[in-house]
C-alpha atoms as a PDB file:
ATOM      1  CA  MET A   1      72.863  42.481 100.279  1.00  0.00           C
ATOM      2  CA  SER A   2      75.684  44.345  98.590  1.00  0.00           C
ATOM      3  CA  ARG A   3      78.734  42.638  97.151  1.00  0.00           C
ATOM      4  CA  ALA A   4      80.998  43.963  99.923  1.00  0.00           C
ATOM      5  CA  GLU A   5      78.668  42.613 102.601  1.00  0.00           C
ATOM      6  CA  GLY A   6      78.591  39.217 100.871  1.00  0.00           C
ATOM      7  CA  ILE A   7      82.384  39.080 100.754  1.00  0.00           C
ATOM      8  CA  PHE A   8      82.557  40.181 104.387  1.00  0.00           C
ATOM      9  CA  LEU A   9      80.199  37.395 105.497  1.00  0.00           C
ATOM     10  CA  THR A  10      82.066  34.816 103.405  1.00  0.00           C
ATOM     11  CA  MET A  11      85.356  35.789 105.025  1.00  0.00           C
ATOM     12  CA  TRP A  12      83.813  35.480 108.485  1.00  0.00           C
ATOM     13  CA  VAL A  13      82.508  31.995 107.680  1.00  0.00           C
ATOM     14  CA  LEU A  14      85.937  30.931 106.405  1.00  0.00           C
ATOM     15  CA  LEU A  15      87.567  32.352 109.514  1.00  0.00           C
ATOM     16  CA  LEU A  16      85.162  30.457 111.777  1.00  0.00           C
ATOM     17  CA  LEU A  17      85.763  27.216 109.863  1.00  0.00           C
ATOM     18  CA  ILE A  18      89.524  27.563 110.228  1.00  0.00           C
ATOM     19  CA  ILE A  19      89.260  28.306 113.938  1.00  0.00           C
ATOM     20  CA  SER A  20      86.799  25.471 114.594  1.00  0.00           C
ATOM     21  CA  THR A  21      89.001  22.851 112.876  1.00  0.00           C
ATOM     22  CA  ALA A  22      92.193  23.955 114.652  1.00  0.00           C
ATOM     23  CA  PRO A  23      91.717  21.750 117.795  1.00  0.00           C
ATOM     24  CA  LEU A  24      91.183  18.635 115.634  1.00  0.00           C
ATOM     25  CA  VAL A  25      94.782  18.707 114.319  1.00  0.00           C
ATOM     26  CA  ASP A  26      97.388  16.671 116.239  1.00  0.00           C
ATOM     27  CA  ALA A  27     100.173  19.013 117.414  1.00  0.00           C
ATOM     28  CA  SER A  28     102.815  16.258 117.746  1.00  0.00           C
ATOM     29  CA  SER A  29     103.315  15.544 114.037  1.00  0.00           C
ATOM     30  CA  GLU A  30     105.501  17.627 111.719  1.00  0.00           C
ATOM     31  CA  LYS A  31     102.667  18.177 109.264  1.00  0.00           C
ATOM     32  CA  SER A  32     100.523  19.794 111.912  1.00  0.00           C
ATOM     33  CA  GLY A  33     103.289  22.323 112.587  1.00  0.00           C
ATOM     34  CA  ASP A  34     103.331  23.235 108.908  1.00  0.00           C
ATOM     35  CA  GLN A  35      99.552  23.354 108.805  1.00  0.00           C
ATOM     36  CA  SER A  36      99.333  25.589 111.860  1.00  0.00           C
ATOM     37  CA  GLU A  37     101.866  27.964 110.303  1.00  0.00           C
ATOM     38  CA  GLU A  38      99.813  28.032 107.102  1.00  0.00           C
ATOM     39  CA  LYS A  39      96.675  28.680 109.136  1.00  0.00           C
ATOM     40  CA  ARG A  40      98.365  31.607 110.872  1.00  0.00           C
ATOM     41  CA  GLU A  41      99.316  33.040 107.488  1.00  0.00           C
ATOM     42  CA  LEU A  42      95.759  32.560 106.236  1.00  0.00           C
ATOM     43  CA  LEU A  43      94.362  34.236 109.340  1.00  0.00           C
ATOM     44  CA  GLY A  44      96.696  37.171 108.760  1.00  0.00           C
ATOM     45  CA  VAL A  45      95.569  37.493 105.149  1.00  0.00           C
ATOM     46  CA  LEU A  46      91.904  37.212 106.142  1.00  0.00           C
ATOM     47  CA  GLN A  47      92.377  39.876 108.793  1.00  0.00           C
ATOM     48  CA  LYS A  48      93.887  42.256 106.213  1.00  0.00           C
ATOM     49  CA  VAL A  49      90.982  41.616 103.835  1.00  0.00           C
ATOM     50  CA  LEU A  50      88.451  42.233 106.597  1.00  0.00           C
ATOM     51  CA  GLU A  51      90.184  45.499 107.537  1.00  0.00           C
ATOM     52  CA  LYS A  52      90.060  46.652 103.905  1.00  0.00           C
ATOM     53  CA  LEU A  53      86.362  45.782 103.684  1.00  0.00           C
ATOM     54  CA  GLN A  54      85.689  47.632 106.920  1.00  0.00           C
ATOM     55  CA  ASN A  55      87.451  50.717 105.538  1.00  0.00           C
ATOM     56  CA  ARG A  56      85.400  50.495 102.328  1.00  0.00           C
ATOM     57  CA  ARG A  57      82.201  50.362 104.318  1.00  0.00           C
ATOM     58  CA  THR A  58      82.954  53.694 106.007  1.00  0.00           C
ATOM     59  CA  VAL A  59      83.781  55.280 102.657  1.00  0.00           C
ATOM     60  CA  THR A  60      80.454  54.191 101.137  1.00  0.00           C
ATOM     61  CA  TRP A  61      78.663  55.457 104.245  1.00  0.00           C
ATOM     62  CA  GLU A  62      80.333  58.847 103.834  1.00  0.00           C
ATOM     63  CA  ARG A  63      79.344  58.973 100.153  1.00  0.00           C
ATOM     64  CA  ARG A  64      75.713  58.256 100.944  1.00  0.00           C
ATOM     65  CA  HIS A  65      75.596  61.152 103.375  1.00  0.00           C
ATOM     66  CA  SER A  66      77.320  63.592 100.973  1.00  0.00           C
ATOM     67  CA  ARG A  67      80.527  63.763 102.969  1.00  0.00           C
ATOM     68  CA  LEU A  68      83.719  64.202 101.029  1.00  0.00           C
ATOM     69  CA  PRO A  69      87.128  63.189 102.375  1.00  0.00           C
ATOM     70  CA  GLY A  70      89.384  65.971 103.620  1.00  0.00           C
ATOM     71  CA  CYS A  71      92.267  67.411 101.579  1.00  0.00           C
ATOM     72  CA  ASN A  72      95.571  68.887 102.619  1.00  0.00           C
ATOM     73  CA  ILE A  73      96.603  72.342 101.477  1.00  0.00           C
ATOM     74  CA  GLY A  74      98.099  72.040  97.986  1.00  0.00           C
ATOM     75  CA  ASP A  75      96.162  68.883  97.061  1.00  0.00           C
ATOM     76  CA  PHE A  76      93.863  68.756  94.050  1.00  0.00           C
ATOM     77  CA  CYS A  77      90.325  69.373  95.280  1.00  0.00           C
ATOM     78  CA  THR A  78      88.399  69.798  92.013  1.00  0.00           C
ATOM     79  CA  VAL A  79      88.324  68.306  88.538  1.00  0.00           C
ATOM     80  CA  LYS A  80      87.205  70.297  85.508  1.00  0.00           C
ATOM     81  CA  LYS A  81      85.612  68.593  82.550  1.00  0.00           C
ATOM     82  CA  GLY A  82      84.293  70.972  79.945  1.00  0.00           C
ATOM     83  CA  SER A  83      82.331  73.702  81.653  1.00  0.00           C
ATOM     84  CA  ARG A  84      81.614  71.591  84.740  1.00  0.00           C
ATOM     85  CA  PHE A  85      83.557  71.209  87.960  1.00  0.00           C
ATOM     86  CA  GLY A  86      83.540  68.108  90.139  1.00  0.00           C
ATOM     87  CA  GLN A  87      84.574  68.330  93.761  1.00  0.00           C
ATOM     88  CA  LEU A  88      86.977  65.606  94.935  1.00  0.00           C
ATOM     89  CA  CYS A  89      87.439  66.560  98.587  1.00  0.00           C
ATOM     90  CA  ASP A  90      86.843  69.282 101.185  1.00  0.00           C
ATOM     91  CA  CYS A  91      89.604  71.783 101.845  1.00  0.00           C
ATOM     92  CA  PRO A  92      90.691  72.305 105.460  1.00  0.00           C
ATOM     93  CA  ARG A  93      89.426  75.211 107.517  1.00  0.00           C
ATOM     94  CA  GLY A  94      91.033  78.501 106.536  1.00  0.00           C
ATOM     95  CA  SER A  95      91.552  77.514 102.896  1.00  0.00           C
ATOM     96  CA  LYS A  96      89.316  77.150  99.890  1.00  0.00           C
ATOM     97  CA  CYS A  97      89.417  75.414  96.545  1.00  0.00           C
ATOM     98  CA  ASN A  98      90.894  77.674  93.865  1.00  0.00           C
ATOM     99  CA  LEU A  99      89.061  77.061  90.593  1.00  0.00           C
ATOM    100  CA  PHE A 100      92.016  78.245  88.482  1.00  0.00           C
ATOM    101  CA  PHE A 101      94.659  75.948  89.991  1.00  0.00           C
ATOM    102  CA  LEU A 102      92.069  73.349  91.120  1.00  0.00           C
ATOM    103  CA  LYS A 103      93.938  73.057  94.435  1.00  0.00           C
ATOM    104  CA  CYS A 104      93.310  73.939  98.071  1.00  0.00           C
ATOM    105  CA  LEU A 105      94.930  77.309  98.747  1.00  0.00           C
END
């Protein structure tokens, strides 16, 4: 299990624990109002973290299958280190990566 998957599962468990304990809190007291607001904030933060992890998962999937992200025209598409070139992204259709400027033209 990768680290991202472990974090993802941990977040899901925390989310389920928060949701399962929500009905046990008495809604009539002032503290419960504060606690429910805090829980909403925590749920929002957890949702953002889960979305970020989901986005990371697609990026790692694309890397495994040799797919590079797309570039816009004028963006840097290649890096040169010594005599070697490293491709950062794929240029859009109708343009190609210029090895002098290292940009999509």
